[in-house]
Amino acid sequence: MIKSRPSRPLLWPSSSAAALSNPWRSQALRTAPRLRSPLWRWGAIAAMGTPLLVAVGISQGGLSLPLPPCLFRALLGFPAPSCGLTRAFLALARGDWALALSYHLFAPLLMALLGAIVVISAGELLTRRSWLALYRRWLPPATTLSLIALFLGYYALRLWARYMLPLLPWGLEETAIWQHFLTGALAL
C-alpha cells in the first residue's frame, strides 16, 4: 500500500471565508514551497539594504563617507546608466524630491524597489517559504522588461542631452521640465 504524503503546513492558517479572500492568504502563498537557499535572501537584504541605510546615515545622521569615483566613467569616458543615483538617494533621504528627480528620474522607483526587496526577503526568511508567486504577481516579466527599456531610454536621452546639446522643436527647450532635465543631465 502506498502511503500518501502529508500535506504541507499552511503558511497562514485561517478558519474563516473572509480570511481566504485576503490576497496575502492566497492558495499560492499558503502552499508556497520551502525556502531552499536562505543565504541568497541574507545577501539580498545586505546588498539592497546597505544603500538605503547609508543614504539615511549620511543625510540624517551626519555620517561622512568619501564617495569613490565612478569606475564606469573612468574606464569608458562617459557616465553610467546609474550615474546620479547616489546623489538622488541622498536627496530623497533628506526629503528633497525635486533635487532627487533632477539627479535621476528613476531614483524614487529604485529606492522603493530596494526597500520592497528587503521586506520580501525578510518575510521569506521569517516564514521559511519562497514568495516567488508574489514576485510574479507584482512584477511580471513584461513589466520588468518595460521598466528596463524605459530606464535605458532615459539613459539614452540623458546622454543625448549631455553631449549633443539638443534644440527641441516648437520651443520646448524653454519649458521648465526640459530645463530641469537638462540641469540634471549636465550635472552628471
C-alpha atoms as a PDB file:
ATOM      1  CA  MET A   1       0.000   0.000   0.000  1.00  0.00           C
ATOM      2  CA  ILE A   2       1.325   3.441  -0.953  1.00  0.00           C
ATOM      3  CA  LYS A   3       1.423   5.996   1.792  1.00  0.00           C
ATOM      4  CA  SER A   4       0.128   9.441   0.979  1.00  0.00           C
ATOM      5  CA  ARG A   5       2.403  12.381   1.620  1.00  0.00           C
ATOM      6  CA  PRO A   6       1.384  14.625   4.463  1.00  0.00           C
ATOM      7  CA  SER A   7       0.130  17.983   3.322  1.00  0.00           C
ATOM      8  CA  ARG A   8       2.350  20.982   3.775  1.00  0.00           C
ATOM      9  CA  PRO A   9       1.533  23.179   6.729  1.00  0.00           C
ATOM     10  CA  LEU A  10      -0.304  26.349   5.865  1.00  0.00           C
ATOM     11  CA  LEU A  11       1.749  29.481   5.781  1.00  0.00           C
ATOM     12  CA  TRP A  12      -1.144  31.441   7.233  1.00  0.00           C
ATOM     13  CA  PRO A  13      -3.733  29.191   8.826  1.00  0.00           C
ATOM     14  CA  SER A  14      -7.230  30.544   8.581  1.00  0.00           C
ATOM     15  CA  SER A  15     -10.630  29.372   9.660  1.00  0.00           C
ATOM     16  CA  SER A  16     -12.954  31.897   8.068  1.00  0.00           C
ATOM     17  CA  ALA A  17     -14.040  32.519   4.497  1.00  0.00           C
ATOM     18  CA  ALA A  18     -13.178  36.223   4.882  1.00  0.00           C
ATOM     19  CA  ALA A  19      -9.567  35.346   5.559  1.00  0.00           C
ATOM     20  CA  LEU A  20      -9.407  33.348   2.328  1.00  0.00           C
ATOM     21  CA  SER A  21     -10.374  36.412   0.285  1.00  0.00           C
ATOM     22  CA  ASN A  22      -7.338  38.261   1.606  1.00  0.00           C
ATOM     23  CA  PRO A  23      -4.643  38.287  -1.132  1.00  0.00           C
ATOM     24  CA  TRP A  24      -1.972  37.657   1.499  1.00  0.00           C
ATOM     25  CA  ARG A  25      -3.686  34.376   2.313  1.00  0.00           C
ATOM     26  CA  SER A  26      -3.948  33.134  -1.266  1.00  0.00           C
ATOM     27  CA  GLN A  27      -3.584  29.463  -2.110  1.00  0.00           C
ATOM     28  CA  ALA A  28      -0.270  30.140  -3.847  1.00  0.00           C
ATOM     29  CA  LEU A  29       1.238  31.639  -0.702  1.00  0.00           C
ATOM     30  CA  ARG A  30      -0.220  29.109   1.720  1.00  0.00           C
ATOM     31  CA  THR A  31       1.257  26.246  -0.245  1.00  0.00           C
ATOM     32  CA  ALA A  32       4.442  28.024  -1.221  1.00  0.00           C
ATOM     33  CA  PRO A  33       7.491  25.794  -1.481  1.00  0.00           C
ATOM     34  CA  ARG A  34      10.000  25.782   1.329  1.00  0.00           C
ATOM     35  CA  LEU A  35      12.814  28.266   1.065  1.00  0.00           C
ATOM     36  CA  ARG A  36      15.802  26.334  -0.255  1.00  0.00           C
ATOM     37  CA  SER A  37      18.609  28.865  -0.102  1.00  0.00           C
ATOM     38  CA  PRO A  38      18.174  31.405   2.700  1.00  0.00           C
ATOM     39  CA  LEU A  39      21.744  32.624   2.165  1.00  0.00           C
ATOM     40  CA  TRP A  40      20.602  34.394  -1.022  1.00  0.00           C
ATOM     41  CA  ARG A  41      17.947  36.249   0.985  1.00  0.00           C
ATOM     42  CA  TRP A  42      20.507  37.394   3.556  1.00  0.00           C
ATOM     43  CA  GLY A  43      22.682  38.589   0.665  1.00  0.00           C
ATOM     44  CA  ALA A  44      19.724  40.436  -0.862  1.00  0.00           C
ATOM     45  CA  ILE A  45      18.978  42.141   2.449  1.00  0.00           C
ATOM     46  CA  ALA A  46      22.617  43.191   2.805  1.00  0.00           C
ATOM     47  CA  ALA A  47      23.039  44.313  -0.812  1.00  0.00           C
ATOM     48  CA  MET A  48      19.714  46.150  -1.089  1.00  0.00           C
ATOM     49  CA  GLY A  49      19.563  47.499   2.439  1.00  0.00           C
ATOM     50  CA  THR A  50      23.069  48.981   2.519  1.00  0.00           C
ATOM     51  CA  PRO A  51      22.386  51.838   0.050  1.00  0.00           C
ATOM     52  CA  LEU A  52      19.227  52.729   1.945  1.00  0.00           C
ATOM     53  CA  LEU A  53      20.979  52.760   5.327  1.00  0.00           C
ATOM     54  CA  VAL A  54      23.979  54.704   4.002  1.00  0.00           C
ATOM     55  CA  ALA A  55      21.709  57.310   2.388  1.00  0.00           C
ATOM     56  CA  VAL A  56      19.789  57.804   5.620  1.00  0.00           C
ATOM     57  CA  GLY A  57      23.018  57.773   7.666  1.00  0.00           C
ATOM     58  CA  ILE A  58      24.671  60.443   5.518  1.00  0.00           C
ATOM     59  CA  SER A  59      21.560  62.621   5.210  1.00  0.00           C
ATOM     60  CA  GLN A  60      20.136  62.351   8.702  1.00  0.00           C
ATOM     61  CA  GLY A  61      22.878  61.051  10.967  1.00  0.00           C
ATOM     62  CA  GLY A  62      25.783  63.185   9.842  1.00  0.00           C
ATOM     63  CA  LEU A  63      27.730  60.157   8.595  1.00  0.00           C
ATOM     64  CA  SER A  64      30.552  61.166   6.287  1.00  0.00           C
ATOM     65  CA  LEU A  65      31.865  58.750   3.677  1.00  0.00           C
ATOM     66  CA  PRO A  66      34.217  59.622   0.844  1.00  0.00           C
ATOM     67  CA  LEU A  67      32.475  58.528  -2.323  1.00  0.00           C
ATOM     68  CA  PRO A  68      34.810  56.816  -4.808  1.00  0.00           C
ATOM     69  CA  PRO A  69      34.932  57.980  -8.406  1.00  0.00           C
ATOM     70  CA  CYS A  70      32.798  56.098 -10.896  1.00  0.00           C
ATOM     71  CA  LEU A  71      34.753  53.175 -12.342  1.00  0.00           C
ATOM     72  CA  PHE A  72      32.453  53.001 -15.389  1.00  0.00           C
ATOM     73  CA  ARG A  73      33.179  56.615 -16.267  1.00  0.00           C
ATOM     74  CA  ALA A  74      36.910  56.239 -15.583  1.00  0.00           C
ATOM     75  CA  LEU A  75      37.152  53.276 -17.961  1.00  0.00           C
ATOM     76  CA  LEU A  76      34.761  54.317 -20.735  1.00  0.00           C
ATOM     77  CA  GLY A  77      34.800  58.105 -20.518  1.00  0.00           C
ATOM     78  CA  PHE A  78      31.063  58.725 -20.219  1.00  0.00           C
ATOM     79  CA  PRO A  79      28.509  58.415 -17.383  1.00  0.00           C
ATOM     80  CA  ALA A  80      26.967  55.101 -16.393  1.00  0.00           C
ATOM     81  CA  PRO A  81      23.203  54.448 -16.548  1.00  0.00           C
ATOM     82  CA  SER A  82      23.124  54.681 -12.760  1.00  0.00           C
ATOM     83  CA  CYS A  83      25.076  57.923 -12.628  1.00  0.00           C
ATOM     84  CA  GLY A  84      23.389  60.307 -10.235  1.00  0.00           C
ATOM     85  CA  LEU A  85      21.607  57.630  -8.192  1.00  0.00           C
ATOM     86  CA  THR A  86      23.850  58.063  -5.149  1.00  0.00           C
ATOM     87  CA  ARG A  87      23.196  61.797  -5.043  1.00  0.00           C
ATOM     88  CA  ALA A  88      19.498  61.186  -5.756  1.00  0.00           C
ATOM     89  CA  PHE A  89      19.228  58.667  -2.887  1.00  0.00           C
ATOM     90  CA  LEU A  90      20.883  61.184  -0.567  1.00  0.00           C
ATOM     91  CA  ALA A  91      18.453  63.885  -1.691  1.00  0.00           C
ATOM     92  CA  LEU A  92      15.493  61.532  -1.189  1.00  0.00           C
ATOM     93  CA  ALA A  93      16.705  60.668   2.313  1.00  0.00           C
ATOM     94  CA  ARG A  94      16.727  64.417   3.056  1.00  0.00           C
ATOM     95  CA  GLY A  95      13.250  64.750   1.576  1.00  0.00           C
ATOM     96  CA  ASP A  96      14.350  66.900  -1.382  1.00  0.00           C
ATOM     97  CA  TRP A  97      12.322  65.275  -4.162  1.00  0.00           C
ATOM     98  CA  ALA A  98      12.930  67.969  -6.789  1.00  0.00           C
ATOM     99  CA  LEU A  99      16.694  67.679  -6.468  1.00  0.00           C
ATOM    100  CA  ALA A 100      16.498  63.872  -6.430  1.00  0.00           C
ATOM    101  CA  LEU A 101      14.442  63.829  -9.627  1.00  0.00           C
ATOM    102  CA  SER A 102      16.906  66.166 -11.325  1.00  0.00           C
ATOM    103  CA  TYR A 103      19.774  63.815 -10.451  1.00  0.00           C
ATOM    104  CA  HIS A 104      17.957  60.677 -11.635  1.00  0.00           C
ATOM    105  CA  LEU A 105      14.313  60.257 -12.576  1.00  0.00           C
ATOM    106  CA  PHE A 106      14.225  56.599 -11.536  1.00  0.00           C
ATOM    107  CA  ALA A 107      15.622  57.178  -8.016  1.00  0.00           C
ATOM    108  CA  PRO A 108      12.260  57.058  -6.156  1.00  0.00           C
ATOM    109  CA  LEU A 109      11.216  53.905  -8.013  1.00  0.00           C
ATOM    110  CA  LEU A 110      14.571  52.213  -7.409  1.00  0.00           C
ATOM    111  CA  MET A 111      14.606  53.226  -3.746  1.00  0.00           C
ATOM    112  CA  ALA A 112      11.107  51.782  -3.299  1.00  0.00           C
ATOM    113  CA  LEU A 113      12.170  48.629  -5.152  1.00  0.00           C
ATOM    114  CA  LEU A 114      15.218  48.206  -2.902  1.00  0.00           C
ATOM    115  CA  GLY A 115      13.014  48.604   0.164  1.00  0.00           C
ATOM    116  CA  ALA A 116      10.489  46.087  -1.196  1.00  0.00           C
ATOM    117  CA  ILE A 117      13.235  43.535  -1.868  1.00  0.00           C
ATOM    118  CA  VAL A 118      14.491  43.930   1.704  1.00  0.00           C
ATOM    119  CA  VAL A 119      10.971  43.478   3.135  1.00  0.00           C
ATOM    120  CA  ILE A 120      10.132  40.498   0.907  1.00  0.00           C
ATOM    121  CA  SER A 121      13.475  38.809   1.620  1.00  0.00           C
ATOM    122  CA  ALA A 122      12.951  39.291   5.352  1.00  0.00           C
ATOM    123  CA  GLY A 123       9.438  37.876   5.005  1.00  0.00           C
ATOM    124  CA  GLU A 124      10.796  34.840   3.195  1.00  0.00           C
ATOM    125  CA  LEU A 125      13.338  34.283   5.943  1.00  0.00           C
ATOM    126  CA  LEU A 126      10.714  34.626   8.664  1.00  0.00           C
ATOM    127  CA  THR A 127       8.224  32.267   7.044  1.00  0.00           C
ATOM    128  CA  ARG A 128      10.849  29.964   5.512  1.00  0.00           C
ATOM    129  CA  ARG A 129       8.809  29.962   2.320  1.00  0.00           C
ATOM    130  CA  SER A 130       9.595  31.202  -1.175  1.00  0.00           C
ATOM    131  CA  TRP A 131       7.416  34.122  -2.210  1.00  0.00           C
ATOM    132  CA  LEU A 132       8.066  33.664  -5.918  1.00  0.00           C
ATOM    133  CA  ALA A 133       4.314  33.871  -6.502  1.00  0.00           C
ATOM    134  CA  LEU A 134       4.408  37.431  -5.122  1.00  0.00           C
ATOM    135  CA  TYR A 135       7.289  38.387  -7.390  1.00  0.00           C
ATOM    136  CA  ARG A 136       5.444  37.058 -10.417  1.00  0.00           C
ATOM    137  CA  ARG A 137       2.174  38.735  -9.463  1.00  0.00           C
ATOM    138  CA  TRP A 138       3.579  42.163  -8.578  1.00  0.00           C
ATOM    139  CA  LEU A 139       6.289  42.375 -11.225  1.00  0.00           C
ATOM    140  CA  PRO A 140       5.530  40.135 -14.202  1.00  0.00           C
ATOM    141  CA  PRO A 141       8.278  39.696 -16.820  1.00  0.00           C
ATOM    142  CA  ALA A 142       6.597  42.032 -19.316  1.00  0.00           C
ATOM    143  CA  THR A 143       6.500  44.823 -16.729  1.00  0.00           C
ATOM    144  CA  THR A 144      10.118  44.184 -15.781  1.00  0.00           C
ATOM    145  CA  LEU A 145      11.246  44.361 -19.417  1.00  0.00           C
ATOM    146  CA  SER A 146       9.201  47.542 -19.933  1.00  0.00           C
ATOM    147  CA  LEU A 147      10.839  49.188 -16.905  1.00  0.00           C
ATOM    148  CA  ILE A 148      14.307  48.188 -18.136  1.00  0.00           C
ATOM    149  CA  ALA A 149      13.504  49.608 -21.594  1.00  0.00           C
ATOM    150  CA  LEU A 150      12.283  52.868 -20.026  1.00  0.00           C
ATOM    151  CA  PHE A 151      15.413  53.043 -17.853  1.00  0.00           C
ATOM    152  CA  LEU A 152      17.698  52.563 -20.870  1.00  0.00           C
ATOM    153  CA  GLY A 153      15.651  55.035 -22.926  1.00  0.00           C
ATOM    154  CA  TYR A 154      16.006  57.586 -20.144  1.00  0.00           C
ATOM    155  CA  TYR A 155      19.749  56.911 -20.085  1.00  0.00           C
ATOM    156  CA  ALA A 156      19.995  57.441 -23.855  1.00  0.00           C
ATOM    157  CA  LEU A 157      18.042  60.702 -23.563  1.00  0.00           C
ATOM    158  CA  ARG A 158      20.352  61.912 -20.779  1.00  0.00           C
ATOM    159  CA  LEU A 159      23.442  61.155 -22.870  1.00  0.00           C
ATOM    160  CA  TRP A 160      21.888  62.888 -25.858  1.00  0.00           C
ATOM    161  CA  ALA A 161      21.040  65.948 -23.755  1.00  0.00           C
ATOM    162  CA  ARG A 162      24.515  65.998 -22.224  1.00  0.00           C
ATOM    163  CA  TYR A 163      26.653  65.585 -25.324  1.00  0.00           C
ATOM    164  CA  MET A 164      24.534  66.806 -28.227  1.00  0.00           C
ATOM    165  CA  LEU A 165      23.073  69.915 -26.556  1.00  0.00           C
ATOM    166  CA  PRO A 166      19.839  69.382 -28.447  1.00  0.00           C
ATOM    167  CA  LEU A 167      17.490  72.025 -29.607  1.00  0.00           C
ATOM    168  CA  LEU A 168      13.951  70.800 -29.293  1.00  0.00           C
ATOM    169  CA  PRO A 169      11.284  71.772 -31.790  1.00  0.00           C
ATOM    170  CA  TRP A 170       8.440  74.212 -31.072  1.00  0.00           C
ATOM    171  CA  GLY A 171      10.305  75.987 -28.298  1.00  0.00           C
ATOM    172  CA  LEU A 172      10.113  73.000 -25.957  1.00  0.00           C
ATOM    173  CA  GLU A 173      13.695  73.545 -24.812  1.00  0.00           C
ATOM    174  CA  GLU A 174      12.496  76.531 -22.802  1.00  0.00           C
ATOM    175  CA  THR A 175       9.935  74.612 -20.770  1.00  0.00           C
ATOM    176  CA  ALA A 176      10.576  74.141 -17.065  1.00  0.00           C
ATOM    177  CA  ILE A 177      10.531  70.346 -17.341  1.00  0.00           C
ATOM    178  CA  TRP A 178      13.207  70.291 -20.049  1.00  0.00           C
ATOM    179  CA  GLN A 179      15.360  72.803 -18.163  1.00  0.00           C
ATOM    180  CA  HIS A 180      15.085  70.676 -15.018  1.00  0.00           C
ATOM    181  CA  PHE A 181      16.007  67.554 -17.002  1.00  0.00           C
ATOM    182  CA  LEU A 182      18.890  69.295 -18.767  1.00  0.00           C
ATOM    183  CA  THR A 183      20.286  70.586 -15.459  1.00  0.00           C
ATOM    184  CA  GLY A 184      20.417  67.023 -14.134  1.00  0.00           C
ATOM    185  CA  ALA A 185      21.936  65.652 -17.346  1.00  0.00           C
ATOM    186  CA  LEU A 186      24.679  68.270 -17.380  1.00  0.00           C
ATOM    187  CA  ALA A 187      25.442  67.617 -13.690  1.00  0.00           C
ATOM    188  CA  LEU A 188      26.437  64.008 -14.421  1.00  0.00           C
END
